[in-house]
Amino acid sequence: MDSKRRRGSRFGYLGNLEYFSYNRILSDKQLKKLKEHKYSCQNESLFDPYLQPYWNWLVTQLPEWLAPNLITTIGLIVNIITSLILVYHSPDGKQDVR
């Protein structure tokens, strides 16, 4: 096994396109498309035009290393915790919570 192959399999190069081209997981054409890809999202919800400036501001306040999935997971955990607190204080949902 040559040194480049050993180094590639040992360290992974998962963040580098070299890994995919060397091991031929993706073809050259697919690698070119991957380099040219630009993420875009379209949302046509009712409140999107009003919340978009807030979301854009919020994104600038978060560190770049924070993954979008982590942000979503944190939001889910916050919702679960607050729901559990409400269920603890009012199990049937009909009592006032103080």
PDB file of N, CA and C in Angstrom:
ATOM      1  N   MET A   1       0.847  -1.175   0.000  1.00  0.00           N
ATOM      2  CA  MET A   1       0.000   0.000   0.000  1.00  0.00           C
ATOM      3  C   MET A   1       0.894   1.241   0.000  1.00  0.00           C
ATOM      4  N   ASP A   2       0.673   2.163  -0.926  1.00  0.00           N
ATOM      5  CA  ASP A   2       1.528   3.335  -1.013  1.00  0.00           C
ATOM      6  C   ASP A   2       1.200   4.329   0.103  1.00  0.00           C
ATOM      7  N   SER A   3       2.102   5.297   0.321  1.00  0.00           N
ATOM      8  CA  SER A   3       1.968   6.204   1.465  1.00  0.00           C
ATOM      9  C   SER A   3       0.741   7.101   1.343  1.00  0.00           C
ATOM     10  N   LYS A   4       0.388   7.500   0.113  1.00  0.00           N
ATOM     11  CA  LYS A   4      -0.771   8.376  -0.048  1.00  0.00           C
ATOM     12  C   LYS A   4      -2.052   7.634   0.340  1.00  0.00           C
ATOM     13  N   ARG A   5      -2.153   6.404  -0.054  1.00  0.00           N
ATOM     14  CA  ARG A   5      -3.343   5.607   0.290  1.00  0.00           C
ATOM     15  C   ARG A   5      -3.413   5.391   1.795  1.00  0.00           C
ATOM     16  N   ARG A   6      -2.268   5.065   2.402  1.00  0.00           N
ATOM     17  CA  ARG A   6      -2.251   4.865   3.849  1.00  0.00           C
ATOM     18  C   ARG A   6      -2.660   6.147   4.558  1.00  0.00           C
ATOM     19  N   ARG A   7      -2.077   7.265   4.130  1.00  0.00           N
ATOM     20  CA  ARG A   7      -2.387   8.539   4.760  1.00  0.00           C
ATOM     21  C   ARG A   7      -3.867   8.880   4.569  1.00  0.00           C
ATOM     22  N   GLY A   8      -4.404   8.628   3.383  1.00  0.00           N
ATOM     23  CA  GLY A   8      -5.807   8.935   3.115  1.00  0.00           C
ATOM     24  C   GLY A   8      -6.749   8.106   3.956  1.00  0.00           C
ATOM     25  N   SER A   9      -6.452   6.815   4.104  1.00  0.00           N
ATOM     26  CA  SER A   9      -7.343   5.976   4.888  1.00  0.00           C
ATOM     27  C   SER A   9      -7.155   6.188   6.377  1.00  0.00           C
ATOM     28  N   ARG A  10      -5.934   6.594   6.773  1.00  0.00           N
ATOM     29  CA  ARG A  10      -5.668   6.792   8.203  1.00  0.00           C
ATOM     30  C   ARG A  10      -6.327   8.060   8.727  1.00  0.00           C
ATOM     31  N   PHE A  11      -6.181   9.154   7.992  1.00  0.00           N
ATOM     32  CA  PHE A  11      -6.704  10.429   8.465  1.00  0.00           C
ATOM     33  C   PHE A  11      -8.078  10.748   7.915  1.00  0.00           C
ATOM     34  N   GLY A  12      -8.475  10.152   6.836  1.00  0.00           N
ATOM     35  CA  GLY A  12      -9.826  10.306   6.340  1.00  0.00           C
ATOM     36  C   GLY A  12     -10.041  11.383   5.308  1.00  0.00           C
ATOM     37  N   TYR A  13      -9.465  12.550   5.477  1.00  0.00           N
ATOM     38  CA  TYR A  13      -9.696  13.672   4.570  1.00  0.00           C
ATOM     39  C   TYR A  13     -11.183  13.897   4.318  1.00  0.00           C
ATOM     40  N   LEU A  14     -12.006  13.714   5.316  1.00  0.00           N
ATOM     41  CA  LEU A  14     -13.448  13.816   5.092  1.00  0.00           C
ATOM     42  C   LEU A  14     -13.882  15.221   4.700  1.00  0.00           C
ATOM     43  N   GLY A  15     -13.138  16.225   5.107  1.00  0.00           N
ATOM     44  CA  GLY A  15     -13.492  17.576   4.743  1.00  0.00           C
ATOM     45  C   GLY A  15     -12.871  18.028   3.437  1.00  0.00           C
ATOM     46  N   ASN A  16     -12.173  17.152   2.752  1.00  0.00           N
ATOM     47  CA  ASN A  16     -11.435  17.521   1.558  1.00  0.00           C
ATOM     48  C   ASN A  16     -11.961  16.728   0.365  1.00  0.00           C
ATOM     49  N   LEU A  17     -12.134  17.397  -0.755  1.00  0.00           N
ATOM     50  CA  LEU A  17     -12.622  16.717  -1.954  1.00  0.00           C
ATOM     51  C   LEU A  17     -11.580  15.746  -2.506  1.00  0.00           C
ATOM     52  N   GLU A  18     -10.314  15.897  -2.080  1.00  0.00           N
ATOM     53  CA  GLU A  18      -9.264  14.984  -2.533  1.00  0.00           C
ATOM     54  C   GLU A  18      -9.599  13.544  -2.141  1.00  0.00           C
ATOM     55  N   TYR A  19     -10.187  13.369  -0.994  1.00  0.00           N
ATOM     56  CA  TYR A  19     -10.549  12.028  -0.522  1.00  0.00           C
ATOM     57  C   TYR A  19     -11.509  11.362  -1.501  1.00  0.00           C
ATOM     58  N   PHE A  20     -12.500  12.107  -1.964  1.00  0.00           N
ATOM     59  CA  PHE A  20     -13.501  11.543  -2.865  1.00  0.00           C
ATOM     60  C   PHE A  20     -12.926  11.259  -4.249  1.00  0.00           C
ATOM     61  N   SER A  21     -12.013  12.111  -4.722  1.00  0.00           N
ATOM     62  CA  SER A  21     -11.452  11.883  -6.043  1.00  0.00           C
ATOM     63  C   SER A  21     -10.430  10.755  -6.018  1.00  0.00           C
ATOM     64  N   TYR A  22      -9.664  10.622  -4.938  1.00  0.00           N
ATOM     65  CA  TYR A  22      -8.636   9.580  -4.875  1.00  0.00           C
ATOM     66  C   TYR A  22      -9.263   8.194  -4.778  1.00  0.00           C
ATOM     67  N   ASN A  23     -10.276   8.049  -3.961  1.00  0.00           N
ATOM     68  CA  ASN A  23     -10.909   6.749  -3.773  1.00  0.00           C
ATOM     69  C   ASN A  23     -12.056   6.501  -4.757  1.00  0.00           C
ATOM     70  N   ARG A  24     -12.292   7.434  -5.641  1.00  0.00           N
ATOM     71  CA  ARG A  24     -13.306   7.308  -6.680  1.00  0.00           C
ATOM     72  C   ARG A  24     -14.705   7.034  -6.152  1.00  0.00           C
ATOM     73  N   ILE A  25     -15.041   7.716  -5.072  1.00  0.00           N
ATOM     74  CA  ILE A  25     -16.415   7.644  -4.597  1.00  0.00           C
ATOM     75  C   ILE A  25     -17.294   8.463  -5.538  1.00  0.00           C
ATOM     76  N   LEU A  26     -16.768   9.593  -5.995  1.00  0.00           N
ATOM     77  CA  LEU A  26     -17.469  10.443  -6.943  1.00  0.00           C
ATOM     78  C   LEU A  26     -16.633  10.565  -8.215  1.00  0.00           C
ATOM     79  N   SER A  27     -17.319  10.681  -9.340  1.00  0.00           N
ATOM     80  CA  SER A  27     -16.614  10.866 -10.605  1.00  0.00           C
ATOM     81  C   SER A  27     -16.125  12.313 -10.708  1.00  0.00           C
ATOM     82  N   ASP A  28     -15.275  12.592 -11.697  1.00  0.00           N
ATOM     83  CA  ASP A  28     -14.773  13.946 -11.904  1.00  0.00           C
ATOM     84  C   ASP A  28     -15.917  14.916 -12.205  1.00  0.00           C
ATOM     85  N   LYS A  29     -16.881  14.453 -12.966  1.00  0.00           N
ATOM     86  CA  LYS A  29     -18.035  15.302 -13.298  1.00  0.00           C
ATOM     87  C   LYS A  29     -18.836  15.633 -12.043  1.00  0.00           C
ATOM     88  N   GLN A  30     -19.021  14.637 -11.164  1.00  0.00           N
ATOM     89  CA  GLN A  30     -19.751  14.869  -9.918  1.00  0.00           C
ATOM     90  C   GLN A  30     -18.982  15.801  -8.988  1.00  0.00           C
ATOM     91  N   LEU A  31     -17.664  15.662  -8.938  1.00  0.00           N
ATOM     92  CA  LEU A  31     -16.845  16.556  -8.124  1.00  0.00           C
ATOM     93  C   LEU A  31     -16.942  17.998  -8.609  1.00  0.00           C
ATOM     94  N   LYS A  32     -16.962  18.169  -9.938  1.00  0.00           N
ATOM     95  CA  LYS A  32     -17.091  19.518 -10.497  1.00  0.00           C
ATOM     96  C   LYS A  32     -18.435  20.129 -10.102  1.00  0.00           C
ATOM     97  N   LYS A  33     -19.494  19.329 -10.198  1.00  0.00           N
ATOM     98  CA  LYS A  33     -20.825  19.803  -9.795  1.00  0.00           C
ATOM     99  C   LYS A  33     -20.865  20.153  -8.313  1.00  0.00           C
ATOM    100  N   LEU A  34     -20.184  19.342  -7.492  1.00  0.00           N
ATOM    101  CA  LEU A  34     -20.152  19.576  -6.059  1.00  0.00           C
ATOM    102  C   LEU A  34     -19.446  20.887  -5.729  1.00  0.00           C
ATOM    103  N   LYS A  35     -18.372  21.191  -6.446  1.00  0.00           N
ATOM    104  CA  LYS A  35     -17.664  22.455  -6.233  1.00  0.00           C
ATOM    105  C   LYS A  35     -18.511  23.651  -6.654  1.00  0.00           C
ATOM    106  N   GLU A  36     -19.336  23.479  -7.672  1.00  0.00           N
ATOM    107  CA  GLU A  36     -20.149  24.579  -8.196  1.00  0.00           C
ATOM    108  C   GLU A  36     -21.470  24.759  -7.444  1.00  0.00           C
ATOM    109  N   HIS A  37     -21.817  23.808  -6.579  1.00  0.00           N
ATOM    110  CA  HIS A  37     -23.114  23.845  -5.904  1.00  0.00           C
ATOM    111  C   HIS A  37     -23.237  25.062  -4.992  1.00  0.00           C
ATOM    112  N   LYS A  38     -24.381  25.720  -5.039  1.00  0.00           N
ATOM    113  CA  LYS A  38     -24.689  26.849  -4.166  1.00  0.00           C
ATOM    114  C   LYS A  38     -26.023  26.557  -3.501  1.00  0.00           C
ATOM    115  N   TYR A  39     -26.023  26.512  -2.180  1.00  0.00           N
ATOM    116  CA  TYR A  39     -27.243  26.217  -1.446  1.00  0.00           C
ATOM    117  C   TYR A  39     -28.217  27.373  -1.566  1.00  0.00           C
ATOM    118  N   SER A  40     -29.470  27.064  -1.800  1.00  0.00           N
ATOM    119  CA  SER A  40     -30.509  28.083  -1.802  1.00  0.00           C
ATOM    120  C   SER A  40     -31.784  27.468  -1.234  1.00  0.00           C
ATOM    121  N   CYS A  41     -32.491  28.269  -0.519  1.00  0.00           N
ATOM    122  CA  CYS A  41     -33.708  27.797   0.133  1.00  0.00           C
ATOM    123  C   CYS A  41     -34.848  28.738  -0.231  1.00  0.00           C
ATOM    124  N   GLN A  42     -35.973  28.164  -0.544  1.00  0.00           N
ATOM    125  CA  GLN A  42     -37.146  28.960  -0.837  1.00  0.00           C
ATOM    126  C   GLN A  42     -38.231  28.588   0.153  1.00  0.00           C
ATOM    127  N   ASN A  43     -38.794  29.579   0.774  1.00  0.00           N
ATOM    128  CA  ASN A  43     -39.861  29.342   1.721  1.00  0.00           C
ATOM    129  C   ASN A  43     -40.996  30.290   1.376  1.00  0.00           C
ATOM    130  N   GLU A  44     -42.171  29.751   1.291  1.00  0.00           N
ATOM    131  CA  GLU A  44     -43.319  30.575   0.934  1.00  0.00           C
ATOM    132  C   GLU A  44     -44.355  30.578   2.043  1.00  0.00           C
ATOM    133  N   SER A  45     -43.878  30.563   3.292  1.00  0.00           N
ATOM    134  CA  SER A  45     -44.820  30.596   4.410  1.00  0.00           C
ATOM    135  C   SER A  45     -45.368  32.003   4.581  1.00  0.00           C
ATOM    136  N   LEU A  46     -46.427  32.122   5.341  1.00  0.00           N
ATOM    137  CA  LEU A  46     -47.106  33.398   5.544  1.00  0.00           C
ATOM    138  C   LEU A  46     -46.226  34.403   6.276  1.00  0.00           C
ATOM    139  N   PHE A  47     -45.463  33.942   7.263  1.00  0.00           N
ATOM    140  CA  PHE A  47     -44.670  34.848   8.086  1.00  0.00           C
ATOM    141  C   PHE A  47     -43.226  35.007   7.610  1.00  0.00           C
ATOM    142  N   ASP A  48     -42.850  34.308   6.575  1.00  0.00           N
ATOM    143  CA  ASP A  48     -41.467  34.358   6.100  1.00  0.00           C
ATOM    144  C   ASP A  48     -40.985  35.768   5.775  1.00  0.00           C
ATOM    145  N   PRO A  49     -41.749  36.588   5.057  1.00  0.00           N
ATOM    146  CA  PRO A  49     -41.252  37.936   4.755  1.00  0.00           C
ATOM    147  C   PRO A  49     -41.010  38.784   6.011  1.00  0.00           C
ATOM    148  N   TYR A  50     -41.779  38.543   7.058  1.00  0.00           N
ATOM    149  CA  TYR A  50     -41.634  39.331   8.281  1.00  0.00           C
ATOM    150  C   TYR A  50     -40.492  38.821   9.166  1.00  0.00           C
ATOM    151  N   LEU A  51     -40.261  37.512   9.153  1.00  0.00           N
ATOM    152  CA  LEU A  51     -39.230  36.923  10.002  1.00  0.00           C
ATOM    153  C   LEU A  51     -37.854  36.863   9.341  1.00  0.00           C
ATOM    154  N   GLN A  52     -37.788  36.996   8.035  1.00  0.00           N
ATOM    155  CA  GLN A  52     -36.513  36.886   7.326  1.00  0.00           C
ATOM    156  C   GLN A  52     -35.463  37.870   7.828  1.00  0.00           C
ATOM    157  N   PRO A  53     -35.778  39.144   8.056  1.00  0.00           N
ATOM    158  CA  PRO A  53     -34.746  40.057   8.604  1.00  0.00           C
ATOM    159  C   PRO A  53     -34.234  39.605   9.973  1.00  0.00           C
ATOM    160  N   TYR A  54     -35.117  39.082  10.812  1.00  0.00           N
ATOM    161  CA  TYR A  54     -34.693  38.590  12.122  1.00  0.00           C
ATOM    162  C   TYR A  54     -33.771  37.382  11.973  1.00  0.00           C
ATOM    163  N   TRP A  55     -34.125  36.442  11.102  1.00  0.00           N
ATOM    164  CA  TRP A  55     -33.299  35.246  10.895  1.00  0.00           C
ATOM    165  C   TRP A  55     -31.917  35.635  10.365  1.00  0.00           C
ATOM    166  N   ASN A  56     -31.890  36.584   9.424  1.00  0.00           N
ATOM    167  CA  ASN A  56     -30.609  37.040   8.874  1.00  0.00           C
ATOM    168  C   ASN A  56     -29.739  37.671   9.962  1.00  0.00           C
ATOM    169  N   TRP A  57     -30.349  38.470  10.844  1.00  0.00           N
ATOM    170  CA  TRP A  57     -29.605  39.070  11.944  1.00  0.00           C
ATOM    171  C   TRP A  57     -29.120  37.987  12.907  1.00  0.00           C
ATOM    172  N   LEU A  58     -29.993  37.038  13.226  1.00  0.00           N
ATOM    173  CA  LEU A  58     -29.645  35.988  14.177  1.00  0.00           C
ATOM    174  C   LEU A  58     -28.473  35.141  13.690  1.00  0.00           C
ATOM    175  N   VAL A  59     -28.426  34.863  12.396  1.00  0.00           N
ATOM    176  CA  VAL A  59     -27.340  34.063  11.837  1.00  0.00           C
ATOM    177  C   VAL A  59     -26.002  34.778  12.027  1.00  0.00           C
ATOM    178  N   THR A  60     -25.985  36.092  11.946  1.00  0.00           N
ATOM    179  CA  THR A  60     -24.730  36.829  12.129  1.00  0.00           C
ATOM    180  C   THR A  60     -24.272  36.809  13.583  1.00  0.00           C
ATOM    181  N   GLN A  61     -25.163  36.517  14.523  1.00  0.00           N
ATOM    182  CA  GLN A  61     -24.815  36.488  15.940  1.00  0.00           C
ATOM    183  C   GLN A  61     -24.258  35.144  16.392  1.00  0.00           C
ATOM    184  N   LEU A  62     -24.462  34.103  15.611  1.00  0.00           N
ATOM    185  CA  LEU A  62     -24.011  32.761  15.979  1.00  0.00           C
ATOM    186  C   LEU A  62     -22.634  32.485  15.397  1.00  0.00           C
ATOM    187  N   PRO A  63     -21.807  31.696  16.100  1.00  0.00           N
ATOM    188  CA  PRO A  63     -20.486  31.365  15.544  1.00  0.00           C
ATOM    189  C   PRO A  63     -20.626  30.472  14.305  1.00  0.00           C
ATOM    190  N   GLU A  64     -19.690  30.606  13.384  1.00  0.00           N
ATOM    191  CA  GLU A  64     -19.774  29.855  12.126  1.00  0.00           C
ATOM    192  C   GLU A  64     -19.589  28.354  12.316  1.00  0.00           C
ATOM    193  N   TRP A  65     -18.912  27.934  13.382  1.00  0.00           N
ATOM    194  CA  TRP A  65     -18.682  26.503  13.591  1.00  0.00           C
ATOM    195  C   TRP A  65     -19.935  25.792  14.088  1.00  0.00           C
ATOM    196  N   LEU A  66     -20.961  26.544  14.467  1.00  0.00           N
ATOM    197  CA  LEU A  66     -22.197  25.958  14.977  1.00  0.00           C
ATOM    198  C   LEU A  66     -23.013  25.405  13.813  1.00  0.00           C
ATOM    199  N   ALA A  67     -23.190  24.089  13.787  1.00  0.00           N
ATOM    200  CA  ALA A  67     -23.887  23.434  12.683  1.00  0.00           C
ATOM    201  C   ALA A  67     -25.388  23.710  12.741  1.00  0.00           C
ATOM    202  N   PRO A  68     -26.038  23.848  11.582  1.00  0.00           N
ATOM    203  CA  PRO A  68     -27.485  24.073  11.559  1.00  0.00           C
ATOM    204  C   PRO A  68     -28.264  22.963  12.280  1.00  0.00           C
ATOM    205  N   ASN A  69     -27.811  21.717  12.153  1.00  0.00           N
ATOM    206  CA  ASN A  69     -28.499  20.626  12.838  1.00  0.00           C
ATOM    207  C   ASN A  69     -28.400  20.761  14.351  1.00  0.00           C
ATOM    208  N   LEU A  70     -27.279  21.291  14.836  1.00  0.00           N
ATOM    209  CA  LEU A  70     -27.118  21.505  16.272  1.00  0.00           C
ATOM    210  C   LEU A  70     -28.079  22.589  16.761  1.00  0.00           C
ATOM    211  N   ILE A  71     -28.247  23.639  15.983  1.00  0.00           N
ATOM    212  CA  ILE A  71     -29.188  24.704  16.342  1.00  0.00           C
ATOM    213  C   ILE A  71     -30.603  24.135  16.419  1.00  0.00           C
ATOM    214  N   THR A  72     -30.982  23.309  15.450  1.00  0.00           N
ATOM    215  CA  THR A  72     -32.300  22.682  15.446  1.00  0.00           C
ATOM    216  C   THR A  72     -32.469  21.753  16.639  1.00  0.00           C
ATOM    217  N   THR A  73     -31.442  20.980  16.953  1.00  0.00           N
ATOM    218  CA  THR A  73     -31.513  20.056  18.092  1.00  0.00           C
ATOM    219  C   THR A  73     -31.645  20.814  19.407  1.00  0.00           C
ATOM    220  N   ILE A  74     -30.915  21.911  19.553  1.00  0.00           N
ATOM    221  CA  ILE A  74     -31.029  22.732  20.765  1.00  0.00           C
ATOM    222  C   ILE A  74     -32.447  23.280  20.897  1.00  0.00           C
ATOM    223  N   GLY A  75     -33.021  23.753  19.794  1.00  0.00           N
ATOM    224  CA  GLY A  75     -34.402  24.246  19.832  1.00  0.00           C
ATOM    225  C   GLY A  75     -35.388  23.154  20.212  1.00  0.00           C
ATOM    226  N   LEU A  76     -35.173  21.942  19.705  1.00  0.00           N
ATOM    227  CA  LEU A  76     -36.039  20.819  20.059  1.00  0.00           C
ATOM    228  C   LEU A  76     -35.932  20.499  21.548  1.00  0.00           C
ATOM    229  N   ILE A  77     -34.706  20.482  22.066  1.00  0.00           N
ATOM    230  CA  ILE A  77     -34.509  20.183  23.491  1.00  0.00           C
ATOM    231  C   ILE A  77     -35.173  21.238  24.365  1.00  0.00           C
ATOM    232  N   VAL A  78     -35.059  22.510  23.991  1.00  0.00           N
ATOM    233  CA  VAL A  78     -35.721  23.579  24.751  1.00  0.00           C
ATOM    234  C   VAL A  78     -37.232  23.372  24.750  1.00  0.00           C
ATOM    235  N   ASN A  79     -37.811  23.034  23.602  1.00  0.00           N
ATOM    236  CA  ASN A  79     -39.254  22.788  23.529  1.00  0.00           C
ATOM    237  C   ASN A  79     -39.669  21.588  24.366  1.00  0.00           C
ATOM    238  N   ILE A  80     -38.895  20.524  24.353  1.00  0.00           N
ATOM    239  CA  ILE A  80     -39.218  19.337  25.146  1.00  0.00           C
ATOM    240  C   ILE A  80     -39.158  19.656  26.632  1.00  0.00           C
ATOM    241  N   ILE A  81     -38.114  20.373  27.064  1.00  0.00           N
ATOM    242  CA  ILE A  81     -37.975  20.716  28.484  1.00  0.00           C
ATOM    243  C   ILE A  81     -39.124  21.596  28.952  1.00  0.00           C
ATOM    244  N   THR A  82     -39.476  22.620  28.175  1.00  0.00           N
ATOM    245  CA  THR A  82     -40.582  23.491  28.603  1.00  0.00           C
ATOM    246  C   THR A  82     -41.907  22.732  28.610  1.00  0.00           C
ATOM    247  N   SER A  83     -42.099  21.817  27.678  1.00  0.00           N
ATOM    248  CA  SER A  83     -43.325  21.010  27.678  1.00  0.00           C
ATOM    249  C   SER A  83     -43.384  20.099  28.898  1.00  0.00           C
ATOM    250  N   LEU A  84     -42.249  19.500  29.260  1.00  0.00           N
ATOM    251  CA  LEU A  84     -42.211  18.642  30.447  1.00  0.00           C
ATOM    252  C   LEU A  84     -42.488  19.444  31.728  1.00  0.00           C
ATOM    253  N   ILE A  85     -41.985  20.657  31.799  1.00  0.00           N
ATOM    254  CA  ILE A  85     -42.258  21.511  32.965  1.00  0.00           C
ATOM    255  C   ILE A  85     -43.748  21.816  33.054  1.00  0.00           C
ATOM    256  N   LEU A  86     -44.373  22.144  31.940  1.00  0.00           N
ATOM    257  CA  LEU A  86     -45.811  22.426  31.940  1.00  0.00           C
ATOM    258  C   LEU A  86     -46.626  21.188  32.305  1.00  0.00           C
ATOM    259  N   VAL A  87     -46.260  20.031  31.792  1.00  0.00           N
ATOM    260  CA  VAL A  87     -46.975  18.790  32.116  1.00  0.00           C
ATOM    261  C   VAL A  87     -46.798  18.446  33.589  1.00  0.00           C
ATOM    262  N   TYR A  88     -45.627  18.728  34.142  1.00  0.00           N
ATOM    263  CA  TYR A  88     -45.382  18.465  35.567  1.00  0.00           C
ATOM    264  C   TYR A  88     -46.295  19.329  36.434  1.00  0.00           C
ATOM    265  N   HIS A  89     -46.443  20.595  36.083  1.00  0.00           N
ATOM    266  CA  HIS A  89     -47.244  21.523  36.894  1.00  0.00           C
ATOM    267  C   HIS A  89     -48.733  21.417  36.613  1.00  0.00           C
ATOM    268  N   SER A  90     -49.104  20.963  35.444  1.00  0.00           N
ATOM    269  CA  SER A  90     -50.518  20.820  35.102  1.00  0.00           C
ATOM    270  C   SER A  90     -50.695  19.576  34.231  1.00  0.00           C
ATOM    271  N   PRO A  91     -50.768  18.390  34.866  1.00  0.00           N
ATOM    272  CA  PRO A  91     -50.821  17.141  34.092  1.00  0.00           C
ATOM    273  C   PRO A  91     -52.022  17.024  33.157  1.00  0.00           C
ATOM    274  N   ASP A  92     -53.149  17.561  33.548  1.00  0.00           N
ATOM    275  CA  ASP A  92     -54.320  17.452  32.676  1.00  0.00           C
ATOM    276  C   ASP A  92     -54.462  18.636  31.727  1.00  0.00           C
ATOM    277  N   GLY A  93     -53.656  19.677  31.911  1.00  0.00           N
ATOM    278  CA  GLY A  93     -53.686  20.836  31.022  1.00  0.00           C
ATOM    279  C   GLY A  93     -54.838  21.766  31.262  1.00  0.00           C
ATOM    280  N   LYS A  94     -55.580  21.572  32.344  1.00  0.00           N
ATOM    281  CA  LYS A  94     -56.736  22.422  32.619  1.00  0.00           C
ATOM    282  C   LYS A  94     -56.517  23.339  33.812  1.00  0.00           C
ATOM    283  N   GLN A  95     -55.518  23.054  34.623  1.00  0.00           N
ATOM    284  CA  GLN A  95     -55.255  23.861  35.800  1.00  0.00           C
ATOM    285  C   GLN A  95     -54.385  25.069  35.427  1.00  0.00           C
ATOM    286  N   ASP A  96     -54.482  26.126  36.232  1.00  0.00           N
ATOM    287  CA  ASP A  96     -53.594  27.268  36.064  1.00  0.00           C
ATOM    288  C   ASP A  96     -52.198  26.870  36.552  1.00  0.00           C
ATOM    289  N   VAL A  97     -51.200  27.306  35.822  1.00  0.00           N
ATOM    290  CA  VAL A  97     -49.821  27.038  36.217  1.00  0.00           C
ATOM    291  C   VAL A  97     -49.259  28.326  36.794  1.00  0.00           C
ATOM    292  N   ARG A  98     -48.746  28.224  38.038  1.00  0.00           N
ATOM    293  CA  ARG A  98     -48.194  29.423  38.679  1.00  0.00           C
ATOM    294  C   ARG A  98     -46.747  29.284  38.898  1.00  0.00           C
TER     295      ARG A  98
END
